[in-house]
Amino acid sequence: GIVLARRSQNSALTEHGRRAVSLQLAEVLAELHSIDPATVGLGDFGRGDGYLDRQRATWRRQYDASRSRDLATLDLLQEELGLRPPVTARTTIVHGDFRLDNAIVAGSGDDARIAAILDWEMSTIGDPLLDLGMFGLYWDIGALPGIGGAMPSAVDPGAGYPSFAELVDAYSARAGMAMPDPSWYR
């Protein structure tokens, strides 16, 4: 298969194929999150309790270590995230870096499917909604101001890729659950 990492690779699939693969990717994430870690021998793969707090602390450490100038907006974001963290409703296996370019797409044209998920070194046990939020960040990264070509992505709404809201709907339907407000996770 192929890894769709740049818009130039989109020609391998039709508009219908890109849409179908995208929705399937969201469903694959929901399937991953439906797995009970203990039943597959991964009960001690990580600590679900306090996962969101540990992630926030890691993000702060990374941000502080790479700081080259004052960025008041990012400082404010860090503060805001600490003021209203969500309550984790469940813990399960999380990928940690779930996005289109960490998947192998098999087939071509209209006949494409997700064949494999790659890049598991950040996987652990945690709040699955953080995986969904990070998926959304990467899905919409090309629309973020100032990013430009710094973070290439194959995702192009004009080429048949669905909106992230549609992916959340596909995830929600496969997971059989209503989605809370995803803004904190994004």
C-alpha atoms as a PDB file:
ATOM      1  CA  GLY A   1       0.000   0.000   0.000  1.00  0.00           C
ATOM      2  CA  ILE A   2       0.856   3.668   0.212  1.00  0.00           C
ATOM      3  CA  VAL A   3       1.135   6.243   2.955  1.00  0.00           C
ATOM      4  CA  LEU A   4      -0.793   9.407   2.075  1.00  0.00           C
ATOM      5  CA  ALA A   5       1.500  12.093   3.441  1.00  0.00           C
ATOM      6  CA  ARG A   6       1.290  14.807   0.770  1.00  0.00           C
ATOM      7  CA  ARG A   7      -1.417  16.180  -1.487  1.00  0.00           C
ATOM      8  CA  SER A   8       0.558  15.058  -4.517  1.00  0.00           C
ATOM      9  CA  GLN A   9      -0.168  11.437  -3.513  1.00  0.00           C
ATOM     10  CA  ASN A  10      -3.945  11.911  -3.653  1.00  0.00           C
ATOM     11  CA  SER A  11      -4.092  10.972  -7.331  1.00  0.00           C
ATOM     12  CA  ALA A  12      -3.778   7.293  -6.366  1.00  0.00           C
ATOM     13  CA  LEU A  13      -7.397   7.394  -5.136  1.00  0.00           C
ATOM     14  CA  THR A  14     -10.593   8.833  -6.499  1.00  0.00           C
ATOM     15  CA  GLU A  15     -12.544  11.431  -4.565  1.00  0.00           C
ATOM     16  CA  HIS A  16     -14.857   8.631  -3.403  1.00  0.00           C
ATOM     17  CA  GLY A  17     -11.842   6.505  -2.404  1.00  0.00           C
ATOM     18  CA  ARG A  18     -10.286   9.326  -0.356  1.00  0.00           C
ATOM     19  CA  ARG A  19     -13.573   9.911   1.461  1.00  0.00           C
ATOM     20  CA  ALA A  20     -14.116   6.203   2.146  1.00  0.00           C
ATOM     21  CA  VAL A  21     -10.569   5.691   3.460  1.00  0.00           C
ATOM     22  CA  SER A  22     -10.930   8.734   5.719  1.00  0.00           C
ATOM     23  CA  LEU A  23     -14.158   7.505   7.276  1.00  0.00           C
ATOM     24  CA  GLN A  24     -12.688   4.033   7.677  1.00  0.00           C
ATOM     25  CA  LEU A  25      -9.686   5.544   9.455  1.00  0.00           C
ATOM     26  CA  ALA A  26     -12.012   7.115  12.040  1.00  0.00           C
ATOM     27  CA  GLU A  27     -13.768   3.757  12.442  1.00  0.00           C
ATOM     28  CA  VAL A  28     -10.428   1.986  12.930  1.00  0.00           C
ATOM     29  CA  LEU A  29      -9.647   4.412  15.753  1.00  0.00           C
ATOM     30  CA  ALA A  30     -13.010   3.637  17.376  1.00  0.00           C
ATOM     31  CA  GLU A  31     -12.264  -0.087  17.040  1.00  0.00           C
ATOM     32  CA  LEU A  32      -8.875   0.376  18.709  1.00  0.00           C
ATOM     33  CA  HIS A  33     -10.537   2.245  21.548  1.00  0.00           C
ATOM     34  CA  SER A  34     -13.093  -0.547  21.987  1.00  0.00           C
ATOM     35  CA  ILE A  35     -10.416  -3.071  22.932  1.00  0.00           C
ATOM     36  CA  ASP A  36     -10.187  -3.867  26.629  1.00  0.00           C
ATOM     37  CA  PRO A  37      -6.424  -3.782  27.319  1.00  0.00           C
ATOM     38  CA  ALA A  38      -6.626  -6.474  30.021  1.00  0.00           C
ATOM     39  CA  THR A  39      -8.338  -8.992  27.726  1.00  0.00           C
ATOM     40  CA  VAL A  40      -5.503  -8.744  25.174  1.00  0.00           C
ATOM     41  CA  GLY A  41      -2.682  -8.962  27.721  1.00  0.00           C
ATOM     42  CA  LEU A  42      -2.017  -5.210  27.905  1.00  0.00           C
ATOM     43  CA  GLY A  43      -3.498  -4.425  31.307  1.00  0.00           C
ATOM     44  CA  ASP A  44      -0.109  -3.183  32.533  1.00  0.00           C
ATOM     45  CA  PHE A  45       0.813  -1.379  29.291  1.00  0.00           C
ATOM     46  CA  GLY A  46       0.344   2.023  30.927  1.00  0.00           C
ATOM     47  CA  ARG A  47      -1.420   3.896  33.720  1.00  0.00           C
ATOM     48  CA  GLY A  48      -4.783   5.267  32.687  1.00  0.00           C
ATOM     49  CA  ASP A  49      -5.281   7.240  35.895  1.00  0.00           C
ATOM     50  CA  GLY A  50      -3.913  10.758  35.584  1.00  0.00           C
ATOM     51  CA  TYR A  51      -3.164  10.361  31.868  1.00  0.00           C
ATOM     52  CA  LEU A  52      -4.477  13.801  30.875  1.00  0.00           C
ATOM     53  CA  ASP A  53      -2.500  15.508  33.643  1.00  0.00           C
ATOM     54  CA  ARG A  54       0.686  13.689  32.612  1.00  0.00           C
ATOM     55  CA  GLN A  55       0.140  14.646  28.967  1.00  0.00           C
ATOM     56  CA  ARG A  56      -0.373  18.276  29.905  1.00  0.00           C
ATOM     57  CA  ALA A  57       2.806  18.230  32.008  1.00  0.00           C
ATOM     58  CA  THR A  58       4.729  16.686  29.093  1.00  0.00           C
ATOM     59  CA  TRP A  59       3.438  19.315  26.675  1.00  0.00           C
ATOM     60  CA  ARG A  60       4.483  22.059  29.129  1.00  0.00           C
ATOM     61  CA  ARG A  61       7.961  20.554  29.551  1.00  0.00           C
ATOM     62  CA  GLN A  62       8.417  20.245  25.784  1.00  0.00           C
ATOM     63  CA  TYR A  63       7.163  23.762  25.189  1.00  0.00           C
ATOM     64  CA  ASP A  64       9.433  25.239  27.880  1.00  0.00           C
ATOM     65  CA  ALA A  65      12.452  23.305  26.565  1.00  0.00           C
ATOM     66  CA  SER A  66      11.948  24.599  23.032  1.00  0.00           C
ATOM     67  CA  ARG A  67      10.985  28.152  23.952  1.00  0.00           C
ATOM     68  CA  SER A  68      12.982  30.707  21.991  1.00  0.00           C
ATOM     69  CA  ARG A  69      10.796  33.744  22.709  1.00  0.00           C
ATOM     70  CA  ASP A  70       7.735  34.715  24.703  1.00  0.00           C
ATOM     71  CA  LEU A  71       4.512  33.472  23.153  1.00  0.00           C
ATOM     72  CA  ALA A  72       1.716  34.795  25.332  1.00  0.00           C
ATOM     73  CA  THR A  73      -0.979  32.914  23.425  1.00  0.00           C
ATOM     74  CA  LEU A  74       0.670  29.549  24.060  1.00  0.00           C
ATOM     75  CA  ASP A  75       1.244  30.429  27.700  1.00  0.00           C
ATOM     76  CA  LEU A  76      -2.448  31.296  27.986  1.00  0.00           C
ATOM     77  CA  LEU A  77      -3.400  28.028  26.299  1.00  0.00           C
ATOM     78  CA  GLN A  78      -1.328  26.078  28.836  1.00  0.00           C
ATOM     79  CA  GLU A  79      -3.097  27.900  31.668  1.00  0.00           C
ATOM     80  CA  GLU A  80      -6.554  27.366  30.132  1.00  0.00           C
ATOM     81  CA  LEU A  81      -5.925  23.635  29.681  1.00  0.00           C
ATOM     82  CA  GLY A  82      -5.091  23.376  33.370  1.00  0.00           C
ATOM     83  CA  LEU A  83      -8.198  25.288  34.462  1.00  0.00           C
ATOM     84  CA  ARG A  84     -10.763  23.011  32.885  1.00  0.00           C
ATOM     85  CA  PRO A  85      -9.444  19.520  32.263  1.00  0.00           C
ATOM     86  CA  PRO A  86     -12.166  17.020  31.400  1.00  0.00           C
ATOM     87  CA  VAL A  87     -12.943  14.051  33.585  1.00  0.00           C
ATOM     88  CA  THR A  88     -11.769  10.847  31.951  1.00  0.00           C
ATOM     89  CA  ALA A  89     -14.797   8.631  31.405  1.00  0.00           C
ATOM     90  CA  ARG A  90     -12.814   5.550  30.352  1.00  0.00           C
ATOM     91  CA  THR A  91      -9.309   4.412  29.614  1.00  0.00           C
ATOM     92  CA  THR A  92      -8.175   2.128  26.845  1.00  0.00           C
ATOM     93  CA  ILE A  93      -5.320   1.645  24.415  1.00  0.00           C
ATOM     94  CA  VAL A  94      -4.359   4.944  22.803  1.00  0.00           C
ATOM     95  CA  HIS A  95      -2.141   5.201  19.757  1.00  0.00           C
ATOM     96  CA  GLY A  96      -0.652   8.573  20.699  1.00  0.00           C
ATOM     97  CA  ASP A  97       0.042   9.764  17.134  1.00  0.00           C
ATOM     98  CA  PHE A  98      -3.029   8.757  15.113  1.00  0.00           C
ATOM     99  CA  ARG A  99      -3.214  10.464  11.727  1.00  0.00           C
ATOM    100  CA  LEU A 100      -3.606   9.729   8.037  1.00  0.00           C
ATOM    101  CA  ASP A 101       0.115   9.516   7.327  1.00  0.00           C
ATOM    102  CA  ASN A 102       0.509   6.855  10.001  1.00  0.00           C
ATOM    103  CA  ALA A 103      -1.716   4.490   8.032  1.00  0.00           C
ATOM    104  CA  ILE A 104      -1.031   2.284   5.034  1.00  0.00           C
ATOM    105  CA  VAL A 105      -3.731   2.506   2.386  1.00  0.00           C
ATOM    106  CA  ALA A 106      -4.105  -0.544   0.151  1.00  0.00           C
ATOM    107  CA  GLY A 107      -5.832  -0.474  -3.213  1.00  0.00           C
ATOM    108  CA  SER A 108      -6.446   2.423  -5.547  1.00  0.00           C
ATOM    109  CA  GLY A 109      -9.176   4.419  -7.202  1.00  0.00           C
ATOM    110  CA  ASP A 110     -12.513   3.745  -5.504  1.00  0.00           C
ATOM    111  CA  ASP A 111     -11.232   0.451  -4.103  1.00  0.00           C
ATOM    112  CA  ALA A 112      -9.045   1.565  -1.218  1.00  0.00           C
ATOM    113  CA  ARG A 113      -8.940   0.558   2.405  1.00  0.00           C
ATOM    114  CA  ILE A 114      -6.871   0.993   5.542  1.00  0.00           C
ATOM    115  CA  ALA A 115      -4.440  -1.934   5.588  1.00  0.00           C
ATOM    116  CA  ALA A 116      -2.341  -1.077   8.655  1.00  0.00           C
ATOM    117  CA  ILE A 117      -1.668   1.533  11.316  1.00  0.00           C
ATOM    118  CA  LEU A 118       1.972   2.506  11.827  1.00  0.00           C
ATOM    119  CA  ASP A 119       4.067   4.364  14.410  1.00  0.00           C
ATOM    120  CA  TRP A 120       3.073   2.781  17.715  1.00  0.00           C
ATOM    121  CA  GLU A 121       5.969   4.003  19.909  1.00  0.00           C
ATOM    122  CA  MET A 122       3.752   6.543  21.721  1.00  0.00           C
ATOM    123  CA  SER A 123       0.960   4.071  22.447  1.00  0.00           C
ATOM    124  CA  THR A 124      -0.115   3.464  26.026  1.00  0.00           C
ATOM    125  CA  ILE A 125      -3.232   3.246  28.179  1.00  0.00           C
ATOM    126  CA  GLY A 126      -5.098   6.521  28.504  1.00  0.00           C
ATOM    127  CA  ASP A 127      -8.121   8.633  27.638  1.00  0.00           C
ATOM    128  CA  PRO A 128      -9.138   7.710  24.075  1.00  0.00           C
ATOM    129  CA  LEU A 129     -10.609  11.141  23.415  1.00  0.00           C
ATOM    130  CA  LEU A 130      -7.105  12.615  23.442  1.00  0.00           C
ATOM    131  CA  ASP A 131      -6.299  10.318  20.510  1.00  0.00           C
ATOM    132  CA  LEU A 132      -9.380  11.639  18.735  1.00  0.00           C
ATOM    133  CA  GLY A 133      -8.396  15.247  19.491  1.00  0.00           C
ATOM    134  CA  MET A 134      -4.866  14.775  18.172  1.00  0.00           C
ATOM    135  CA  PHE A 135      -6.313  13.090  15.069  1.00  0.00           C
ATOM    136  CA  GLY A 136      -8.347  16.281  14.551  1.00  0.00           C
ATOM    137  CA  LEU A 137      -5.329  18.513  15.029  1.00  0.00           C
ATOM    138  CA  TYR A 138      -3.406  16.666  12.342  1.00  0.00           C
ATOM    139  CA  TRP A 139      -6.475  16.419  10.089  1.00  0.00           C
ATOM    140  CA  ASP A 140      -6.876  20.196  10.022  1.00  0.00           C
ATOM    141  CA  ILE A 141      -3.189  21.142  10.318  1.00  0.00           C
ATOM    142  CA  GLY A 142      -3.043  22.622   6.817  1.00  0.00           C
ATOM    143  CA  ALA A 143      -5.688  25.190   7.777  1.00  0.00           C
ATOM    144  CA  LEU A 144      -3.787  26.473  10.815  1.00  0.00           C
ATOM    145  CA  PRO A 145      -2.344  29.963  10.336  1.00  0.00           C
ATOM    146  CA  GLY A 146       1.411  30.051   9.932  1.00  0.00           C
ATOM    147  CA  ILE A 147       1.818  26.320   9.339  1.00  0.00           C
ATOM    148  CA  GLY A 148       1.980  26.475   5.538  1.00  0.00           C
ATOM    149  CA  GLY A 149       4.188  23.676   4.234  1.00  0.00           C
ATOM    150  CA  ALA A 150       5.960  23.132   7.559  1.00  0.00           C
ATOM    151  CA  MET A 151       3.734  20.116   8.257  1.00  0.00           C
ATOM    152  CA  PRO A 152       2.716  18.514   4.960  1.00  0.00           C
ATOM    153  CA  SER A 153      -0.574  16.650   4.798  1.00  0.00           C
ATOM    154  CA  ALA A 154      -2.509  14.856   2.095  1.00  0.00           C
ATOM    155  CA  VAL A 155      -5.779  16.063   3.608  1.00  0.00           C
ATOM    156  CA  ASP A 156      -7.458  18.406   1.153  1.00  0.00           C
ATOM    157  CA  PRO A 157     -11.173  19.121   1.599  1.00  0.00           C
ATOM    158  CA  GLY A 158     -11.366  20.098  -2.073  1.00  0.00           C
ATOM    159  CA  ALA A 159     -10.163  16.619  -3.078  1.00  0.00           C
ATOM    160  CA  GLY A 160     -12.920  14.692  -1.334  1.00  0.00           C
ATOM    161  CA  TYR A 161     -11.603  14.441   2.188  1.00  0.00           C
ATOM    162  CA  PRO A 162     -14.442  14.853   4.699  1.00  0.00           C
ATOM    163  CA  SER A 163     -14.448  17.458   7.439  1.00  0.00           C
ATOM    164  CA  PHE A 164     -13.170  16.414  10.833  1.00  0.00           C
ATOM    165  CA  ALA A 165     -16.741  16.772  12.147  1.00  0.00           C
ATOM    166  CA  GLU A 166     -17.731  13.984   9.744  1.00  0.00           C
ATOM    167  CA  LEU A 167     -14.887  11.836  11.057  1.00  0.00           C
ATOM    168  CA  VAL A 168     -16.092  12.434  14.608  1.00  0.00           C
ATOM    169  CA  ASP A 169     -19.566  11.313  13.520  1.00  0.00           C
ATOM    170  CA  ALA A 170     -18.098   8.123  11.993  1.00  0.00           C
ATOM    171  CA  TYR A 171     -16.058   7.508  15.150  1.00  0.00           C
ATOM    172  CA  SER A 172     -19.091   8.130  17.353  1.00  0.00           C
ATOM    173  CA  ALA A 173     -21.303   5.795  15.317  1.00  0.00           C
ATOM    174  CA  ARG A 174     -18.715   2.988  15.412  1.00  0.00           C
ATOM    175  CA  ALA A 175     -18.014   3.554  19.117  1.00  0.00           C
ATOM    176  CA  GLY A 176     -21.749   3.664  19.891  1.00  0.00           C
ATOM    177  CA  MET A 177     -21.408   6.748  22.037  1.00  0.00           C
ATOM    178  CA  ALA A 178     -22.278  10.421  21.995  1.00  0.00           C
ATOM    179  CA  MET A 179     -19.246  12.651  21.831  1.00  0.00           C
ATOM    180  CA  PRO A 180     -18.543  15.282  24.464  1.00  0.00           C
ATOM    181  CA  ASP A 181     -17.260  18.701  23.458  1.00  0.00           C
ATOM    182  CA  PRO A 182     -13.903  17.918  21.799  1.00  0.00           C
ATOM    183  CA  SER A 183     -12.373  21.386  22.192  1.00  0.00           C
ATOM    184  CA  TRP A 184     -10.133  20.569  25.177  1.00  0.00           C
ATOM    185  CA  TYR A 185      -8.805  17.464  23.450  1.00  0.00           C
ATOM    186  CA  ARG A 186      -8.014  19.408  20.273  1.00  0.00           C
END
